[in-house]
Amino acid sequence: MATANPPMAPVGTVGIDLSPEFNALYVGITLAVALTGITVVQAWTYVNDNMDSWILRSFVALLLMADIGTTFLDVQVMHNCLITNFGNLAPLAVTTKEGLAEFILTLIVVFLVQGFFVTRIYMLQKEKWWNPVIILLFATVALGTGAVALADLVKHPSVLVLATAENKIMFSITGSFSAVADIMITASLTMLLSSAKTGMQRTNTVLQKLIVFIVSRGLMVSVTQVLFLIVYLIRPDRLWWVPLHFISSKLYVITMVAMLNERSQLRSKRGGIHTSNYLTDSVANTHTPSRVVVHTTIELNRYPKDDNCDDSAIAENHSKEGPEKEASSISDSYRV
């Protein structure tokens, strides 16, 4: 029995270049998938190198699942445009359910990460409780205005709605308030760690590394939010803001988990650095509250370069050497 020949394109048919319509979406999803791989690697490192409380480990797992979820929804948006509606450009003008779900999930991830850092700031600076409260207020307003704009898109599922004055105002508040919250988080943590510096070079070196990491993280997420806002306000209908939106939640998750993993790298350094994972209340007993001592105590330049050195040996050395050789304790504000 003869098999029917597959349909052939007519002679002289010219391919259609869809670059202007799909370039932004394609670039955004490519970056999202790549960054998801980095997130998984960071999460795998965290699982193997950290023994945090179940609350923090569950929180990291939640962020990982949310990050993978946003990537899955991003791919579904592309599938809807290029596979389900192959050759039809109309879906680009419609906001799909997958796209709206991805947007709200991104808002939630950003809020959760900002909330995490707000709790760290509060734990380190309870006497200035108003500072984390203000930061949390900015983050909450950003989440709320973003949700209001998305509710309007649910009622009117059209990309053209993104260009209305009301939605421009809402998304402008979302992006700007979120950026301000990240800037305040970065400034607060930087000042707290700077005030904890001592006269010991190794202590200050570790603190300086943490400060550089925090500032780099703050700049990365804040610049992304600002660029997203600028590109969106210029041409909301051309979708070139989509790549910046797709990668935003992933940058938040990657930088947060990377900072948690940084503790393990500090603990694993040889050359007399030892860490103990317990909460110290030293700050309550100091005469200068700004000199913060927090969750991970790092004893510096005191013990042999032996990875097998345990806490009992350290305690014994403390009793033998006397108070004149006491090492300084510094902060690691990433622990529940």
Protein backbone atom coordinates (compact mmCIF):
# COMPACT_ATOMS: atom_id res chain seq x y z
CA MET A 1 0.00 0.00 0.00
CA ALA A 2 1.49 3.30 -1.05
CA THR A 3 2.28 5.82 1.67
CA ALA A 4 0.94 9.32 1.15
CA ASN A 5 3.64 11.85 0.53
CA PRO A 6 4.02 14.54 3.19
CA PRO A 7 2.71 17.95 2.21
CA MET A 8 5.30 20.02 0.40
CA ALA A 9 5.63 23.77 0.44
CA PRO A 10 4.81 25.39 -2.90
CA VAL A 11 7.75 26.17 -5.11
CA GLY A 12 8.98 29.68 -4.49
CA THR A 13 7.66 29.88 -0.93
CA VAL A 14 9.74 32.35 1.11
CA GLY A 15 10.38 31.85 4.83
CA ILE A 16 8.97 34.39 7.24
CA ASP A 17 11.39 36.16 9.56
CA LEU A 18 9.77 36.32 13.01
CA SER A 19 12.79 37.87 14.71
CA PRO A 20 11.14 41.21 15.56
CA GLU A 21 8.28 39.42 17.32
CA PHE A 22 10.12 36.53 19.01
CA ASN A 23 13.67 37.74 19.64
CA ALA A 24 12.91 39.13 23.11
CA LEU A 25 11.00 36.03 24.16
CA TYR A 26 13.68 33.70 22.83
CA VAL A 27 16.53 35.57 24.54
CA GLY A 28 14.61 35.71 27.81
CA ILE A 29 13.85 31.99 27.90
CA THR A 30 17.41 31.06 26.91
CA LEU A 31 18.78 33.13 29.80
CA ALA A 32 16.13 31.76 32.17
CA VAL A 33 17.03 28.13 31.40
CA ALA A 34 20.76 28.84 31.78
CA LEU A 35 20.28 30.59 35.12
CA THR A 36 18.06 27.77 36.37
CA GLY A 37 21.01 25.44 35.86
CA ILE A 38 23.14 27.72 38.04
CA THR A 39 20.40 27.73 40.68
CA VAL A 40 20.33 23.93 40.76
CA VAL A 41 24.13 23.79 41.14
CA GLN A 42 24.05 26.31 43.99
CA ALA A 43 21.23 24.39 45.68
CA TRP A 44 23.13 21.11 45.31
CA THR A 45 26.19 22.70 46.89
CA TYR A 46 24.04 24.03 49.72
CA VAL A 47 22.47 20.64 50.43
CA ASN A 48 25.86 18.92 50.60
CA ASP A 49 27.85 21.57 52.47
CA ASN A 50 25.40 23.05 54.97
CA MET A 51 23.62 21.67 58.02
CA ASP A 52 21.25 24.53 58.75
CA SER A 53 17.97 24.30 60.62
CA TRP A 54 15.10 22.60 58.85
CA ILE A 55 13.35 25.97 58.52
CA LEU A 56 16.14 27.48 56.46
CA ARG A 57 16.66 24.32 54.43
CA SER A 58 12.93 24.17 53.69
CA PHE A 59 13.00 27.82 52.68
CA VAL A 60 15.84 27.18 50.22
CA ALA A 61 13.95 24.17 48.84
CA LEU A 62 10.86 26.35 48.40
CA LEU A 63 12.85 28.95 46.47
CA LEU A 64 14.40 26.24 44.29
CA MET A 65 11.01 24.81 43.39
CA ALA A 66 9.64 28.29 42.67
CA ASP A 67 12.63 29.07 40.44
CA ILE A 68 12.18 25.85 38.48
CA GLY A 69 8.46 26.61 38.32
CA THR A 70 9.03 30.02 36.72
CA THR A 71 11.32 28.41 34.13
CA PHE A 72 8.70 25.77 33.32
CA LEU A 73 6.08 28.49 32.85
CA ASP A 74 8.48 30.51 30.66
CA VAL A 75 8.98 27.49 28.40
CA GLN A 76 5.22 26.97 28.27
CA VAL A 77 4.80 30.54 27.02
CA MET A 78 7.28 29.85 24.20
CA HIS A 79 5.60 26.51 23.44
CA ASN A 80 2.23 28.23 23.18
CA CYS A 81 3.61 30.77 20.71
CA LEU A 82 5.79 28.54 18.50
CA ILE A 83 4.25 25.07 18.73
CA THR A 84 0.60 25.24 19.69
CA ASN A 85 0.03 28.30 17.50
CA PHE A 86 2.73 27.74 14.89
CA GLY A 87 2.73 30.49 12.26
CA ASN A 88 0.14 32.52 14.17
CA LEU A 89 1.38 35.81 15.63
CA ALA A 90 -1.87 36.53 17.44
CA PRO A 91 -0.77 34.80 20.72
CA LEU A 92 1.94 37.44 21.12
CA ALA A 93 -0.80 40.00 21.63
CA VAL A 94 -2.48 37.96 24.37
CA THR A 95 -1.31 37.46 27.95
CA THR A 96 -1.61 33.73 28.61
CA LYS A 97 -2.42 32.06 31.92
CA GLU A 98 1.11 30.63 32.03
CA GLY A 99 2.60 34.09 31.55
CA LEU A 100 0.46 35.61 34.30
CA ALA A 101 1.26 32.73 36.67
CA GLU A 102 4.97 33.20 35.99
CA PHE A 103 4.70 36.92 36.71
CA ILE A 104 3.00 36.50 40.09
CA LEU A 105 5.39 33.69 41.05
CA THR A 106 8.32 35.98 40.23
CA LEU A 107 6.86 38.71 42.46
CA ILE A 108 6.50 36.21 45.30
CA VAL A 109 10.08 34.94 44.95
CA VAL A 110 11.47 38.48 45.01
CA PHE A 111 9.38 39.30 48.08
CA LEU A 112 10.45 36.13 49.92
CA VAL A 113 14.17 36.77 49.33
CA GLN A 114 13.83 40.40 50.41
CA GLY A 115 11.90 39.23 53.48
CA PHE A 116 14.70 36.83 54.33
CA PHE A 117 17.29 39.61 54.38
CA VAL A 118 14.92 41.85 56.33
CA THR A 119 14.72 39.24 59.10
CA ARG A 120 18.55 39.04 59.18
CA ILE A 121 18.79 42.81 59.55
CA TYR A 122 16.23 42.79 62.36
CA MET A 123 18.08 40.03 64.21
CA LEU A 124 21.30 42.04 64.02
CA GLN A 125 19.80 45.43 64.80
CA LYS A 126 16.78 45.00 67.05
CA GLU A 127 17.35 48.38 68.68
CA LYS A 128 16.66 49.99 65.28
CA TRP A 129 13.59 47.93 64.47
CA TRP A 130 12.13 50.68 62.32
CA ASN A 131 14.79 50.13 59.63
CA PRO A 132 13.76 46.57 58.66
CA VAL A 133 10.11 47.60 59.01
CA ILE A 134 10.57 50.34 56.41
CA ILE A 135 12.37 47.94 54.07
CA LEU A 136 9.59 45.38 54.47
CA LEU A 137 7.03 48.10 53.75
CA PHE A 138 8.72 48.93 50.43
CA ALA A 139 8.87 45.24 49.50
CA THR A 140 5.20 44.73 50.42
CA VAL A 141 4.08 47.72 48.36
CA ALA A 142 6.06 46.38 45.39
CA LEU A 143 4.32 43.00 45.74
CA GLY A 144 0.90 44.58 46.15
CA THR A 145 1.07 46.94 43.17
CA GLY A 146 2.40 44.15 40.97
CA ALA A 147 -0.53 41.95 42.02
CA VAL A 148 -3.02 44.75 41.25
CA ALA A 149 -1.57 45.20 37.76
CA LEU A 150 -1.73 41.46 37.13
CA ALA A 151 -5.35 41.38 38.26
CA ASP A 152 -6.14 43.92 35.54
CA LEU A 153 -4.35 41.71 32.99
CA VAL A 154 -6.47 38.75 34.08
CA LYS A 155 -9.61 40.76 33.34
CA HIS A 156 -8.22 42.12 30.07
CA PRO A 157 -5.72 39.53 28.69
CA SER A 158 -4.04 41.71 26.11
CA VAL A 159 -0.47 42.93 25.78
CA LEU A 160 -1.88 46.35 24.88
CA VAL A 161 -3.16 46.65 28.44
CA LEU A 162 0.48 46.80 29.55
CA ALA A 163 0.76 50.15 27.81
CA THR A 164 -2.12 51.80 29.69
CA ALA A 165 -1.27 54.65 32.03
CA GLU A 166 -2.69 52.79 35.05
CA ASN A 167 -0.51 49.72 34.53
CA LYS A 168 2.54 51.82 33.78
CA ILE A 169 2.08 53.51 37.13
CA MET A 170 1.56 50.21 38.94
CA PHE A 171 4.58 48.48 37.40
CA SER A 172 6.66 51.64 37.94
CA ILE A 173 5.85 51.49 41.65
CA THR A 174 6.61 47.76 41.70
CA GLY A 175 10.02 48.12 40.04
CA SER A 176 11.11 51.28 41.86
CA PHE A 177 9.98 50.18 45.33
CA SER A 178 11.60 46.78 44.88
CA ALA A 179 14.86 48.44 43.82
CA VAL A 180 14.73 50.80 46.82
CA ALA A 181 14.17 47.83 49.15
CA ASP A 182 17.24 46.06 47.73
CA ILE A 183 19.35 49.20 48.02
CA MET A 184 18.30 49.61 51.67
CA ILE A 185 19.06 45.94 52.36
CA THR A 186 22.51 46.31 50.83
CA ALA A 187 23.26 49.53 52.72
CA SER A 188 22.07 48.12 56.05
CA LEU A 189 24.06 44.89 55.83
CA THR A 190 27.14 46.76 54.62
CA MET A 191 27.04 49.18 57.55
CA LEU A 192 26.43 46.37 60.05
CA LEU A 193 29.39 44.34 58.80
CA SER A 194 31.61 47.43 58.56
CA SER A 195 30.86 48.31 62.19
CA ALA A 196 31.91 44.79 63.23
CA LYS A 197 35.48 45.24 62.00
CA THR A 198 38.22 44.81 64.58
CA GLY A 199 41.94 45.38 64.66
CA MET A 200 42.64 41.86 63.46
CA GLN A 201 43.61 41.61 59.81
CA ARG A 202 42.11 38.18 59.17
CA THR A 203 38.80 39.18 60.73
CA ASN A 204 38.65 42.31 58.63
CA THR A 205 39.59 40.38 55.50
CA VAL A 206 36.68 37.97 55.93
CA LEU A 207 34.32 40.84 56.67
CA GLN A 208 35.55 42.68 53.60
CA LYS A 209 34.81 39.65 51.42
CA LEU A 210 31.28 39.47 52.80
CA ILE A 211 30.78 43.20 52.21
CA VAL A 212 31.98 42.92 48.60
CA PHE A 213 29.62 39.99 48.06
CA ILE A 214 26.67 41.86 49.56
CA VAL A 215 27.34 45.03 47.55
CA SER A 216 27.76 43.02 44.33
CA ARG A 217 24.52 41.19 44.99
CA GLY A 218 22.68 44.44 45.73
CA LEU A 219 23.97 46.13 42.59
CA MET A 220 23.05 43.14 40.41
CA VAL A 221 19.42 42.86 41.50
CA SER A 222 18.85 46.62 41.78
CA VAL A 223 20.26 47.36 38.32
CA THR A 224 18.13 44.56 36.87
CA GLN A 225 14.99 46.04 38.43
CA VAL A 226 15.82 49.55 37.20
CA LEU A 227 16.65 48.39 33.66
CA PHE A 228 13.42 46.37 33.55
CA LEU A 229 11.49 49.47 34.56
CA ILE A 230 13.20 51.72 31.99
CA VAL A 231 12.81 49.31 29.07
CA TYR A 232 9.20 48.60 30.01
CA LEU A 233 8.25 52.27 30.19
CA ILE A 234 9.89 53.05 26.83
CA ARG A 235 8.16 50.32 24.79
CA PRO A 236 5.89 48.04 26.85
CA ASP A 237 4.38 46.52 23.69
CA ARG A 238 7.71 45.42 22.11
CA LEU A 239 8.46 42.93 24.93
CA TRP A 240 12.18 43.76 25.23
CA TRP A 241 11.60 44.02 28.96
CA VAL A 242 10.73 40.29 29.02
CA PRO A 243 14.35 38.98 29.32
CA LEU A 244 14.99 41.27 32.31
CA HIS A 245 11.80 40.04 33.92
CA PHE A 246 12.57 36.38 33.25
CA ILE A 247 15.99 36.55 34.91
CA SER A 248 15.08 38.75 37.89
CA SER A 249 13.72 36.06 40.23
CA LYS A 250 16.61 33.77 39.33
CA LEU A 251 19.19 36.40 40.25
CA TYR A 252 17.52 36.78 43.64
CA VAL A 253 17.59 33.04 44.32
CA ILE A 254 21.11 32.49 42.98
CA THR A 255 22.66 35.35 44.98
CA MET A 256 20.90 34.35 48.19
CA VAL A 257 21.90 30.67 48.02
CA ALA A 258 25.42 31.66 46.95
CA MET A 259 25.72 33.83 50.06
CA LEU A 260 24.62 30.90 52.19
CA ASN A 261 27.24 28.74 50.50
CA GLU A 262 29.89 31.39 51.15
CA ARG A 263 29.80 30.45 54.84
CA SER A 264 30.98 26.94 54.00
CA GLN A 265 33.82 28.32 51.92
CA LEU A 266 34.93 30.47 54.84
CA ARG A 267 34.71 27.50 57.19
CA SER A 268 36.74 25.33 54.84
CA LYS A 269 39.59 27.81 54.50
CA ARG A 270 42.80 26.59 56.10
CA GLY A 271 45.24 28.79 57.87
CA GLY A 272 43.73 29.11 61.29
CA ILE A 273 40.10 29.84 60.56
CA HIS A 274 37.60 27.83 62.51
CA THR A 275 33.85 28.31 62.63
CA SER A 276 31.23 27.16 65.08
CA ASN A 277 27.60 27.14 64.08
CA TYR A 278 25.83 28.50 67.11
CA LEU A 279 24.08 31.72 67.92
CA THR A 280 26.19 33.99 70.09
CA ASP A 281 24.69 36.60 72.36
CA SER A 282 27.89 38.58 72.67
CA VAL A 283 26.34 41.68 71.16
CA ALA A 284 24.03 42.02 74.12
CA ASN A 285 27.01 42.17 76.47
CA THR A 286 29.13 44.67 74.58
CA HIS A 287 29.38 48.36 75.34
CA THR A 288 29.21 49.19 71.63
CA PRO A 289 26.08 47.57 70.13
CA SER A 290 27.21 48.57 66.65
CA ARG A 291 30.01 46.06 66.91
CA VAL A 292 27.82 43.19 65.85
CA VAL A 293 28.46 39.56 66.73
CA VAL A 294 26.03 37.18 65.08
CA HIS A 295 25.29 33.68 64.11
CA THR A 296 28.57 32.17 63.02
CA THR A 297 31.62 32.75 65.18
CA ILE A 298 34.91 32.70 63.36
CA GLU A 299 38.01 32.21 65.43
CA LEU A 300 41.01 33.59 63.60
CA ASN A 301 44.74 32.93 63.41
CA ARG A 302 44.91 30.84 66.54
CA TYR A 303 44.99 27.15 65.74
CA PRO A 304 47.08 24.78 63.65
CA LYS A 305 46.13 24.24 60.02
CA ASP A 306 44.34 21.03 60.84
CA ASP A 307 40.94 20.27 59.32
CA ASN A 308 40.31 17.73 62.10
CA CYS A 309 40.42 20.33 64.82
CA ASP A 310 37.17 20.10 66.78
CA ASP A 311 35.33 22.39 69.18
CA SER A 312 36.64 20.62 72.30
CA ALA A 313 40.24 21.23 71.27
CA ILE A 314 39.42 24.87 70.62
CA ALA A 315 37.81 25.25 74.02
CA GLU A 316 40.91 23.74 75.64
CA ASN A 317 43.18 26.16 73.78
CA HIS A 318 40.98 29.03 74.94
CA SER A 319 41.51 28.09 78.57
CA LYS A 320 45.28 27.73 78.15
CA GLU A 321 46.09 30.87 76.21
CA GLY A 322 44.23 33.36 78.35
CA PRO A 323 42.08 36.37 77.50
CA GLU A 324 44.92 38.38 75.97
CA LYS A 325 44.86 36.13 72.87
CA GLU A 326 41.10 35.94 72.45
CA ALA A 327 40.12 36.10 68.83
CA SER A 328 37.33 38.25 67.50
CA SER A 329 33.91 37.10 66.46
CA ILE A 330 32.27 38.35 63.33
CA SER A 331 28.93 38.13 61.65
CA ASP A 332 27.30 35.72 59.37
CA SER A 333 23.68 36.80 59.16
CA TYR A 334 22.41 34.05 56.93
CA ARG A 335 21.26 31.53 59.53
CA VAL A 336 17.91 30.93 61.23
